[in-house]
């Protein structure tokens, strides 16, 4: 994060259930150079691991590595380094190298091995393409020599060199730059749905989102239709009614129906979203952006402003969840952009709460009745109560909502107790409630 008063780069550490992750945020023009330097510094095994993830992001699925030892930072002998099986029975072979000199000779040797059925076990006619990733710097003559080497052995070659890989990591896949190169291009607040669910589940203060989708199939289909026909869709309802889970299921189904759409989720870390929005949505394409609890996300306006730009090569849709008490504020925010299609997410029925508890391992009728009474149609409370009842095994553990929260968040209470000093605990409480402490805001500082 950049301190506006001094323009310093501030390192932020935040504690999660599983790890303490250091994140350094800086937005300087040499990010691309940092990525290139980090790519050159990678060893063979680390580069292969990065390339497997990179090719998956580029649309190559069913990645099967041969050139590295799984779970270890070691390369292994194998031809090719990675193979990809396609649905038509053909194959894509991938070769990777960090070699800097004699690259054209290295490529020619690797291509001859890929074309050798005795080494791969695959007839050349079944190889649709060979993908070659490297970190050397080459001119057009070198590139042409590589293409000609592929033609000599009857293969089609696609090359991703230092330049294209670095640009993609900077412009399109900043998460790969962070995870594999430890270069922060953005603040890590825009994730794929899978990454969002994983990040959400790491917090001890939330109920997980990777649960089975239940009871709302018609709502999910209606959400897909709403996203198809509207630029902004708002899911609203009371706390814990399942808005986030419905939104993610709607995103999944929309992606299946319209595979050309790029699905992204905002995971608020309390840092300004401007750089993230500009990094992730600068390219042409169709985007669906999911903003959970939009009224609590600083920078939601930056997402909405994308709708005003009117670029013919880019189509933006926004899906937001908003709690019922904040709906009027959300309406004001989206009004300049033509308003939104609103979908109300109601509470579960008592029967549905019981079914939810049963599917989470609760069979005792007394426990089921108590969970139905506590939840009162709230899916989140039903999930929490089921988990506590399963782990504690007593009716007293789910006596009422206050006791439920006491037991469910016991690990958080323990973490706070470890902080020791009362003022530190108070500071943790302030950060939890406000998310962002803005020292330039006199009203907020007065409250604190």
Protein backbone atom coordinates (compact mmCIF):
# COMPACT_ATOMS: atom_id res chain seq x y z
CA UNK A 1 0.00 0.00 0.00
CA UNK A 2 1.34 3.47 -0.81
CA UNK A 3 1.25 6.04 1.97
CA UNK A 4 -0.08 9.12 0.19
CA UNK A 5 1.62 11.48 2.62
CA UNK A 6 5.14 10.19 2.05
CA UNK A 7 4.76 8.03 -1.08
CA UNK A 8 6.38 5.18 0.81
CA UNK A 9 5.61 1.55 0.12
CA UNK A 10 4.01 0.07 3.22
CA UNK A 11 4.13 -3.67 3.93
CA UNK A 12 0.85 -5.09 5.20
CA UNK A 13 0.64 -8.33 7.17
CA UNK A 14 -2.66 -9.93 7.98
CA UNK A 15 -3.39 -13.07 9.92
CA UNK A 16 -5.58 -15.78 8.51
CA UNK A 17 -6.60 -19.19 9.74
CA UNK A 18 -3.83 -21.06 7.93
CA UNK A 19 -1.01 -18.61 7.38
CA UNK A 20 0.42 -15.18 7.89
CA UNK A 21 0.94 -13.87 4.39
CA UNK A 22 3.23 -10.91 3.71
CA UNK A 23 1.89 -8.72 0.93
CA UNK A 24 3.88 -5.81 -0.42
CA UNK A 25 1.91 -3.44 -2.61
CA UNK A 26 3.67 -0.99 -4.89
CA UNK A 27 2.65 0.39 -8.24
CA UNK A 28 5.79 1.37 -10.11
CA UNK A 29 6.44 1.43 -13.86
CA UNK A 30 9.16 -1.23 -13.65
CA UNK A 31 6.80 -4.09 -12.78
CA UNK A 32 7.36 -5.67 -16.18
CA UNK A 33 11.11 -5.50 -15.66
CA UNK A 34 10.70 -7.14 -12.26
CA UNK A 35 8.72 -9.97 -13.84
CA UNK A 36 11.35 -10.46 -16.56
CA UNK A 37 14.16 -10.51 -13.99
CA UNK A 38 12.28 -13.00 -11.84
CA UNK A 39 11.64 -15.23 -14.86
CA UNK A 40 15.35 -15.31 -15.71
CA UNK A 41 16.17 -16.21 -12.10
CA UNK A 42 13.91 -19.27 -12.06
CA UNK A 43 15.49 -22.70 -12.01
CA UNK A 44 14.34 -25.38 -14.47
CA UNK A 45 11.86 -27.06 -12.09
CA UNK A 46 10.29 -23.78 -10.93
CA UNK A 47 10.00 -22.56 -14.53
CA UNK A 48 8.26 -25.77 -15.56
CA UNK A 49 5.80 -25.43 -12.68
CA UNK A 50 5.05 -21.85 -13.70
CA UNK A 51 4.63 -22.83 -17.36
CA UNK A 52 2.16 -25.59 -16.52
CA UNK A 53 0.01 -23.04 -14.66
CA UNK A 54 0.52 -20.49 -17.45
CA UNK A 55 -0.60 -22.87 -20.20
CA UNK A 56 -3.66 -23.84 -18.16
CA UNK A 57 -4.59 -20.16 -17.99
CA UNK A 58 -4.05 -19.93 -21.75
CA UNK A 59 -6.71 -22.59 -22.27
CA UNK A 60 -4.71 -25.82 -22.32
CA UNK A 61 -6.46 -28.22 -19.96
CA UNK A 62 -5.59 -31.69 -18.59
CA UNK A 63 -1.99 -30.70 -17.83
CA UNK A 64 0.20 -33.79 -17.21
CA UNK A 65 3.81 -32.98 -16.20
CA UNK A 66 6.63 -35.39 -16.97
CA UNK A 67 9.62 -33.05 -16.73
CA UNK A 68 9.48 -32.39 -12.99
CA UNK A 69 9.18 -34.45 -9.82
CA UNK A 70 5.72 -33.84 -8.28
CA UNK A 71 5.96 -32.07 -4.93
CA UNK A 72 9.69 -31.37 -5.30
CA UNK A 73 11.78 -28.62 -6.84
CA UNK A 74 13.49 -31.09 -9.15
CA UNK A 75 13.39 -31.80 -12.86
CA UNK A 76 12.88 -35.30 -14.19
CA UNK A 77 13.84 -36.97 -17.45
CA UNK A 78 10.95 -37.22 -19.84
CA UNK A 79 9.76 -36.39 -23.33
CA UNK A 80 7.86 -34.15 -23.49
CA UNK A 81 8.10 -32.06 -20.32
CA UNK A 82 4.29 -31.90 -20.23
CA UNK A 83 1.62 -33.61 -22.30
CA UNK A 84 -1.99 -32.56 -22.78
CA UNK A 85 -4.70 -34.95 -23.98
CA UNK A 86 -7.47 -33.44 -26.10
CA UNK A 87 -11.03 -34.67 -26.47
CA UNK A 88 -10.48 -35.81 -30.09
CA UNK A 89 -7.73 -38.25 -29.09
CA UNK A 90 -4.87 -36.02 -30.19
CA UNK A 91 -2.12 -34.59 -28.03
CA UNK A 92 -0.33 -31.33 -27.33
CA UNK A 93 3.28 -31.65 -26.17
CA UNK A 94 4.97 -28.88 -24.17
CA UNK A 95 8.71 -28.34 -23.77
CA UNK A 96 10.33 -25.83 -21.41
CA UNK A 97 13.85 -24.51 -21.06
CA UNK A 98 15.72 -21.83 -19.10
CA UNK A 99 18.82 -22.31 -21.26
CA UNK A 100 20.13 -18.94 -22.48
CA UNK A 101 22.67 -19.84 -25.19
CA UNK A 102 22.28 -22.15 -28.19
CA UNK A 103 18.50 -22.02 -27.92
CA UNK A 104 17.78 -22.92 -31.56
CA UNK A 105 19.89 -26.08 -31.34
CA UNK A 106 18.15 -27.00 -28.08
CA UNK A 107 14.73 -26.55 -29.69
CA UNK A 108 15.70 -28.66 -32.71
CA UNK A 109 16.87 -31.48 -30.43
CA UNK A 110 13.69 -31.38 -28.32
CA UNK A 111 11.43 -31.34 -31.41
CA UNK A 112 13.17 -34.40 -32.83
CA UNK A 113 12.55 -36.21 -29.55
CA UNK A 114 8.86 -35.19 -29.57
CA UNK A 115 8.49 -36.59 -33.10
CA UNK A 116 10.15 -39.90 -32.14
CA UNK A 117 7.41 -42.42 -31.40
CA UNK A 118 9.96 -44.69 -29.74
CA UNK A 119 10.52 -42.03 -27.06
CA UNK A 120 6.96 -40.80 -26.56
CA UNK A 121 4.82 -43.81 -27.46
CA UNK A 122 2.61 -41.49 -29.53
CA UNK A 123 2.49 -41.55 -33.38
CA UNK A 124 3.45 -38.23 -34.91
CA UNK A 125 0.06 -38.06 -36.64
CA UNK A 126 -1.63 -37.83 -33.23
CA UNK A 127 0.42 -34.78 -32.13
CA UNK A 128 -1.60 -31.66 -32.91
CA UNK A 129 0.89 -29.12 -31.60
CA UNK A 130 4.13 -28.65 -29.70
CA UNK A 131 4.26 -25.65 -27.33
CA UNK A 132 7.69 -24.34 -26.44
CA UNK A 133 8.27 -21.96 -23.51
CA UNK A 134 11.67 -20.39 -22.89
CA UNK A 135 13.32 -17.46 -21.06
CA UNK A 136 16.00 -16.50 -23.57
CA UNK A 137 16.06 -13.38 -25.73
CA UNK A 138 15.96 -14.08 -29.46
CA UNK A 139 15.52 -12.25 -32.71
CA UNK A 140 13.14 -12.99 -35.59
CA UNK A 141 15.76 -15.12 -37.36
CA UNK A 142 16.01 -17.41 -34.33
CA UNK A 143 12.22 -17.69 -34.19
CA UNK A 144 12.07 -18.56 -37.88
CA UNK A 145 14.75 -21.22 -37.38
CA UNK A 146 12.62 -22.81 -34.65
CA UNK A 147 9.54 -22.88 -36.89
CA UNK A 148 11.57 -24.45 -39.72
CA UNK A 149 12.94 -27.09 -37.34
CA UNK A 150 9.37 -28.07 -36.50
CA UNK A 151 8.41 -28.30 -40.17
CA UNK A 152 11.37 -30.57 -40.87
CA UNK A 153 9.94 -33.18 -38.52
CA UNK A 154 6.30 -32.55 -39.46
CA UNK A 155 5.18 -30.75 -36.29
CA UNK A 156 3.26 -27.53 -35.65
CA UNK A 157 5.11 -25.29 -33.17
CA UNK A 158 3.79 -22.52 -30.90
CA UNK A 159 6.41 -20.47 -29.04
CA UNK A 160 6.01 -18.45 -25.84
CA UNK A 161 9.24 -16.60 -25.12
CA UNK A 162 10.29 -14.20 -22.41
CA UNK A 163 8.38 -11.25 -23.86
CA UNK A 164 4.94 -12.85 -24.34
CA UNK A 165 5.07 -14.68 -20.99
CA UNK A 166 6.11 -11.54 -19.09
CA UNK A 167 3.43 -9.42 -20.77
CA UNK A 168 0.72 -12.01 -20.02
CA UNK A 169 1.76 -12.24 -16.37
CA UNK A 170 1.69 -8.45 -16.10
CA UNK A 171 -1.50 -7.73 -18.06
CA UNK A 172 -3.64 -10.85 -17.67
CA UNK A 173 -2.39 -13.23 -14.98
CA UNK A 174 -1.02 -11.13 -12.07
CA UNK A 175 -1.86 -13.91 -9.62
CA UNK A 176 0.69 -16.16 -11.34
CA UNK A 177 3.26 -13.36 -11.06
CA UNK A 178 2.53 -13.19 -7.34
CA UNK A 179 2.40 -16.91 -6.61
CA UNK A 180 5.38 -18.05 -8.71
CA UNK A 181 7.59 -14.96 -8.97
CA UNK A 182 6.63 -13.06 -5.78
CA UNK A 183 6.01 -9.91 -7.81
CA UNK A 184 2.90 -8.00 -6.76
CA UNK A 185 1.31 -6.48 -9.87
CA UNK A 186 -1.90 -5.60 -8.04
CA UNK A 187 -3.34 -5.94 -4.55
CA UNK A 188 -4.73 -9.43 -5.08
CA UNK A 189 -8.38 -8.41 -4.80
CA UNK A 190 -9.63 -9.73 -8.16
CA UNK A 191 -9.77 -13.52 -8.31
CA UNK A 192 -11.26 -16.32 -10.35
CA UNK A 193 -14.33 -17.94 -8.71
CA UNK A 194 -12.20 -20.90 -7.60
CA UNK A 195 -9.58 -18.62 -6.07
CA UNK A 196 -12.30 -16.55 -4.41
CA UNK A 197 -13.89 -19.59 -2.74
CA UNK A 198 -10.48 -20.73 -1.50
CA UNK A 199 -9.55 -17.28 -0.15
CA UNK A 200 -12.98 -16.87 1.46
CA UNK A 201 -12.65 -20.23 3.20
CA UNK A 202 -9.29 -19.34 4.77
CA UNK A 203 -10.94 -16.90 7.15
CA UNK A 204 -12.00 -18.20 10.53
CA UNK A 205 -14.79 -15.61 10.55
CA UNK A 206 -16.77 -17.02 7.65
CA UNK A 207 -18.75 -20.12 6.79
CA UNK A 208 -17.33 -21.85 3.70
CA UNK A 209 -18.70 -21.35 0.19
CA UNK A 210 -17.50 -24.67 -1.25
CA UNK A 211 -20.66 -26.43 -0.08
CA UNK A 212 -23.18 -28.36 -2.15
CA UNK A 213 -25.65 -26.06 -3.89
CA UNK A 214 -29.17 -26.86 -2.70
CA UNK A 215 -32.81 -25.73 -2.97
CA UNK A 216 -32.38 -22.82 -5.39
CA UNK A 217 -32.02 -24.32 -8.87
CA UNK A 218 -34.76 -22.14 -10.32
CA UNK A 219 -33.18 -19.06 -8.74
CA UNK A 220 -29.83 -19.94 -10.28
CA UNK A 221 -31.37 -20.34 -13.73
CA UNK A 222 -33.19 -17.02 -13.30
CA UNK A 223 -29.89 -15.41 -12.35
CA UNK A 224 -28.26 -16.66 -15.56
CA UNK A 225 -31.10 -15.11 -17.57
CA UNK A 226 -30.80 -11.85 -15.64
CA UNK A 227 -27.05 -11.68 -16.32
CA UNK A 228 -27.69 -12.34 -19.99
CA UNK A 229 -30.17 -9.47 -20.29
CA UNK A 230 -28.81 -6.85 -17.86
CA UNK A 231 -25.55 -5.04 -17.25
CA UNK A 232 -26.05 -4.93 -13.46
CA UNK A 233 -27.78 -7.57 -11.35
CA UNK A 234 -28.25 -7.21 -7.59
CA UNK A 235 -29.02 -10.13 -5.28
CA UNK A 236 -30.53 -8.76 -2.10
CA UNK A 237 -31.92 -10.28 1.08
CA UNK A 238 -31.24 -10.70 4.76
CA UNK A 239 -27.96 -11.76 6.28
CA UNK A 240 -27.13 -15.44 5.85
CA UNK A 241 -29.85 -16.24 3.30
CA UNK A 242 -27.34 -17.69 0.83
CA UNK A 243 -26.82 -14.76 -1.55
CA UNK A 244 -23.10 -15.43 -2.04
CA UNK A 245 -23.58 -19.16 -2.69
CA UNK A 246 -26.38 -18.43 -5.17
CA UNK A 247 -24.23 -15.83 -6.92
CA UNK A 248 -21.33 -18.28 -7.34
CA UNK A 249 -23.64 -20.99 -8.69
CA UNK A 250 -25.15 -18.47 -11.10
CA UNK A 251 -21.66 -17.51 -12.24
CA UNK A 252 -20.76 -21.16 -12.79
CA UNK A 253 -23.85 -21.81 -14.88
CA UNK A 254 -23.38 -18.58 -16.83
CA UNK A 255 -19.81 -19.64 -17.63
CA UNK A 256 -21.02 -23.00 -18.89
CA UNK A 257 -23.67 -21.36 -21.08
CA UNK A 258 -21.37 -18.59 -22.32
CA UNK A 259 -17.81 -20.01 -22.19
CA UNK A 260 -16.39 -16.92 -23.89
CA UNK A 261 -17.13 -14.89 -20.74
CA UNK A 262 -14.33 -14.21 -18.24
CA UNK A 263 -15.60 -14.59 -14.65
CA UNK A 264 -13.94 -12.60 -11.88
CA UNK A 265 -14.70 -11.98 -8.19
CA UNK A 266 -13.79 -9.04 -5.97
CA UNK A 267 -12.17 -10.19 -2.72
CA UNK A 268 -11.91 -7.05 -0.63
CA UNK A 269 -8.74 -6.68 1.42
CA UNK A 270 -9.56 -3.09 2.42
CA UNK A 271 -7.17 -1.63 -0.15
CA UNK A 272 -8.07 0.71 -3.01
CA UNK A 273 -9.32 -1.27 -6.02
CA UNK A 274 -8.26 1.17 -8.73
CA UNK A 275 -5.02 -0.55 -9.81
CA UNK A 276 -6.63 -4.00 -9.75
CA UNK A 277 -9.55 -2.92 -11.92
CA UNK A 278 -7.29 -1.27 -14.47
CA UNK A 279 -4.94 -4.26 -14.56
CA UNK A 280 -7.55 -6.98 -14.96
CA UNK A 281 -10.10 -5.34 -17.24
CA UNK A 282 -7.93 -3.36 -19.65
CA UNK A 283 -8.07 -6.07 -22.30
CA UNK A 284 -10.91 -6.63 -24.80
CA UNK A 285 -13.44 -9.33 -23.97
CA UNK A 286 -16.63 -10.24 -22.13
CA UNK A 287 -16.37 -9.95 -18.34
CA UNK A 288 -18.73 -10.79 -15.49
CA UNK A 289 -17.56 -9.20 -12.22
CA UNK A 290 -18.96 -10.51 -8.93
CA UNK A 291 -18.89 -8.08 -5.99
CA UNK A 292 -19.99 -9.67 -2.70
CA UNK A 293 -21.42 -7.32 -0.06
CA UNK A 294 -20.98 -4.46 -2.51
CA UNK A 295 -21.97 -1.83 0.04
CA UNK A 296 -18.92 -2.81 2.11
CA UNK A 297 -16.40 -2.90 -0.73
CA UNK A 298 -14.33 0.25 -1.05
CA UNK A 299 -13.90 1.09 -4.71
CA UNK A 300 -17.15 -0.46 -5.94
CA UNK A 301 -17.54 2.71 -7.98
CA UNK A 302 -14.40 1.82 -9.93
CA UNK A 303 -16.10 -1.36 -11.11
CA UNK A 304 -19.26 0.51 -12.09
CA UNK A 305 -17.24 3.13 -13.98
CA UNK A 306 -16.17 0.42 -16.42
CA UNK A 307 -19.77 0.43 -17.67
CA UNK A 308 -19.51 4.10 -18.61
CA UNK A 309 -16.44 3.73 -20.82
CA UNK A 310 -18.48 2.27 -23.65
CA UNK A 311 -15.66 0.43 -25.40
CA UNK A 312 -16.96 -1.63 -28.35
CA UNK A 313 -14.34 -4.33 -27.78
CA UNK A 314 -15.26 -4.94 -24.15
CA UNK A 315 -18.53 -6.01 -22.52
CA UNK A 316 -18.91 -5.66 -18.74
CA UNK A 317 -21.58 -7.19 -16.52
CA UNK A 318 -21.68 -6.68 -12.75
CA UNK A 319 -23.25 -9.09 -10.27
CA UNK A 320 -23.49 -7.74 -6.73
CA UNK A 321 -24.88 -9.00 -3.44
CA UNK A 322 -26.32 -6.39 -1.08
CA UNK A 323 -27.94 -6.93 2.29
CA UNK A 324 -31.50 -5.67 2.49
CA UNK A 325 -30.71 -2.83 4.88
CA UNK A 326 -28.20 -1.37 2.36
CA UNK A 327 -30.32 -1.79 -0.77
CA UNK A 328 -31.30 1.87 -1.03
CA UNK A 329 -27.64 2.89 -0.96
CA UNK A 330 -26.84 0.36 -3.67
CA UNK A 331 -29.67 1.70 -5.81
CA UNK A 332 -28.17 5.16 -5.56
CA UNK A 333 -24.77 3.83 -6.63
CA UNK A 334 -26.08 2.06 -9.76
CA UNK A 335 -28.61 4.73 -10.74
CA UNK A 336 -26.19 6.67 -13.00
CA UNK A 337 -25.54 3.45 -14.93
CA UNK A 338 -29.18 2.70 -15.75
CA UNK A 339 -30.14 0.91 -12.55
CA UNK A 340 -30.05 -2.81 -11.90
CA UNK A 341 -32.14 -5.95 -12.13
CA UNK A 342 -32.96 -6.90 -8.53
CA UNK A 343 -33.50 -10.46 -7.32
CA UNK A 344 -34.68 -11.03 -3.74
CA UNK A 345 -33.21 -14.08 -1.99
CA UNK A 346 -35.65 -15.27 0.65
CA UNK A 347 -35.15 -17.37 3.74
CA UNK A 348 -35.22 -21.17 3.68
CA UNK A 349 -38.28 -23.04 4.85
CA UNK A 350 -38.15 -25.07 8.04
CA UNK A 351 -38.13 -28.28 6.02
CA UNK A 352 -35.20 -27.03 3.94
CA UNK A 353 -33.25 -26.15 7.09
CA UNK A 354 -33.79 -29.68 8.40
CA UNK A 355 -32.68 -31.17 5.06
CA UNK A 356 -29.58 -28.97 5.13
CA UNK A 357 -28.73 -30.16 8.62
CA UNK A 358 -29.33 -33.82 7.69
CA UNK A 359 -27.01 -33.51 4.69
CA UNK A 360 -24.39 -32.18 7.10
CA UNK A 361 -24.55 -35.29 9.24
CA UNK A 362 -27.27 -34.43 11.78
CA UNK A 363 -29.81 -37.23 12.34
CA UNK A 364 -31.06 -36.76 15.92
CA UNK A 365 -34.63 -35.30 15.81
CA UNK A 366 -33.95 -33.14 18.88
CA UNK A 367 -30.89 -31.62 17.23
CA UNK A 368 -32.80 -31.07 14.00
CA UNK A 369 -35.61 -29.29 15.82
CA UNK A 370 -33.17 -27.08 17.72
CA UNK A 371 -31.28 -26.17 14.52
CA UNK A 372 -34.56 -25.27 12.78
CA UNK A 373 -35.53 -23.09 15.74
CA UNK A 374 -32.17 -21.30 15.87
CA UNK A 375 -31.79 -20.80 12.12
CA UNK A 376 -35.27 -19.44 11.39
CA UNK A 377 -34.62 -19.85 7.69
CA UNK A 378 -31.05 -18.52 7.82
CA UNK A 379 -28.85 -20.86 5.79
CA UNK A 380 -25.63 -19.60 7.38
CA UNK A 381 -26.88 -20.20 10.92
CA UNK A 382 -28.11 -23.65 9.87
CA UNK A 383 -24.64 -24.53 8.56
CA UNK A 384 -22.95 -23.14 11.67
CA UNK A 385 -25.30 -24.97 14.02
CA UNK A 386 -24.86 -28.25 12.13
CA UNK A 387 -21.11 -28.01 12.35
CA UNK A 388 -21.10 -27.17 16.06
CA UNK A 389 -23.63 -29.91 16.86
CA UNK A 390 -21.59 -32.44 14.91
CA UNK A 391 -18.33 -31.49 16.62
CA UNK A 392 -19.65 -30.92 20.16
CA UNK A 393 -22.38 -33.56 20.23
CA UNK A 394 -24.52 -31.76 22.83
CA UNK A 395 -27.75 -29.78 22.70
CA UNK A 396 -26.19 -27.22 25.03
CA UNK A 397 -23.68 -26.24 22.33
CA UNK A 398 -26.56 -25.00 20.19
CA UNK A 399 -28.70 -23.70 23.03
CA UNK A 400 -29.20 -20.31 21.38
CA UNK A 401 -27.57 -18.07 18.80
CA UNK A 402 -25.20 -16.37 21.27
CA UNK A 403 -23.90 -19.73 22.50
CA UNK A 404 -23.61 -20.92 18.91
CA UNK A 405 -21.40 -17.96 18.00
CA UNK A 406 -19.34 -18.46 21.17
CA UNK A 407 -18.51 -22.07 20.25
CA UNK A 408 -18.21 -21.56 16.47
CA UNK A 409 -15.70 -18.72 16.81
CA UNK A 410 -13.75 -20.22 19.71
CA UNK A 411 -10.59 -20.38 17.58
CA UNK A 412 -10.86 -16.65 16.92
CA UNK A 413 -11.31 -15.97 20.64
CA UNK A 414 -8.18 -18.01 21.31
CA UNK A 415 -6.21 -16.03 18.73
CA UNK A 416 -7.36 -12.77 20.33
CA UNK A 417 -6.39 -14.02 23.78
CA UNK A 418 -2.89 -14.70 22.42
CA UNK A 419 -2.60 -11.01 21.50
CA UNK A 420 -2.33 -10.32 25.19
CA UNK A 421 -2.55 -6.59 25.75
CA UNK A 422 -6.12 -5.20 25.90
CA UNK A 423 -5.24 -2.32 23.58
CA UNK A 424 -4.07 -4.77 20.92
CA UNK A 425 -7.38 -6.59 21.16
CA UNK A 426 -9.22 -3.27 20.86
CA UNK A 427 -7.18 -2.44 17.76
CA UNK A 428 -8.10 -5.83 16.26
CA UNK A 429 -11.76 -5.06 16.95
CA UNK A 430 -11.52 -1.67 15.26
CA UNK A 431 -9.90 -3.18 12.17
CA UNK A 432 -12.52 -5.93 12.05
CA UNK A 433 -15.38 -3.44 12.08
CA UNK A 434 -13.93 -0.73 9.85
CA UNK A 435 -11.63 -2.83 7.61
CA UNK A 436 -9.77 0.34 6.62
CA UNK A 437 -8.48 2.99 9.01
CA UNK A 438 -8.22 6.29 7.13
CA UNK A 439 -6.14 8.71 9.20
CA UNK A 440 -7.11 11.54 6.85
CA UNK A 441 -10.79 11.11 7.81
CA UNK A 442 -11.39 13.29 10.91
CA UNK A 443 -14.83 11.82 11.62
CA UNK A 444 -13.53 8.27 11.61
CA UNK A 445 -10.51 9.14 13.73
CA UNK A 446 -12.77 10.88 16.24
CA UNK A 447 -14.86 7.71 16.53
CA UNK A 448 -11.79 5.59 17.06
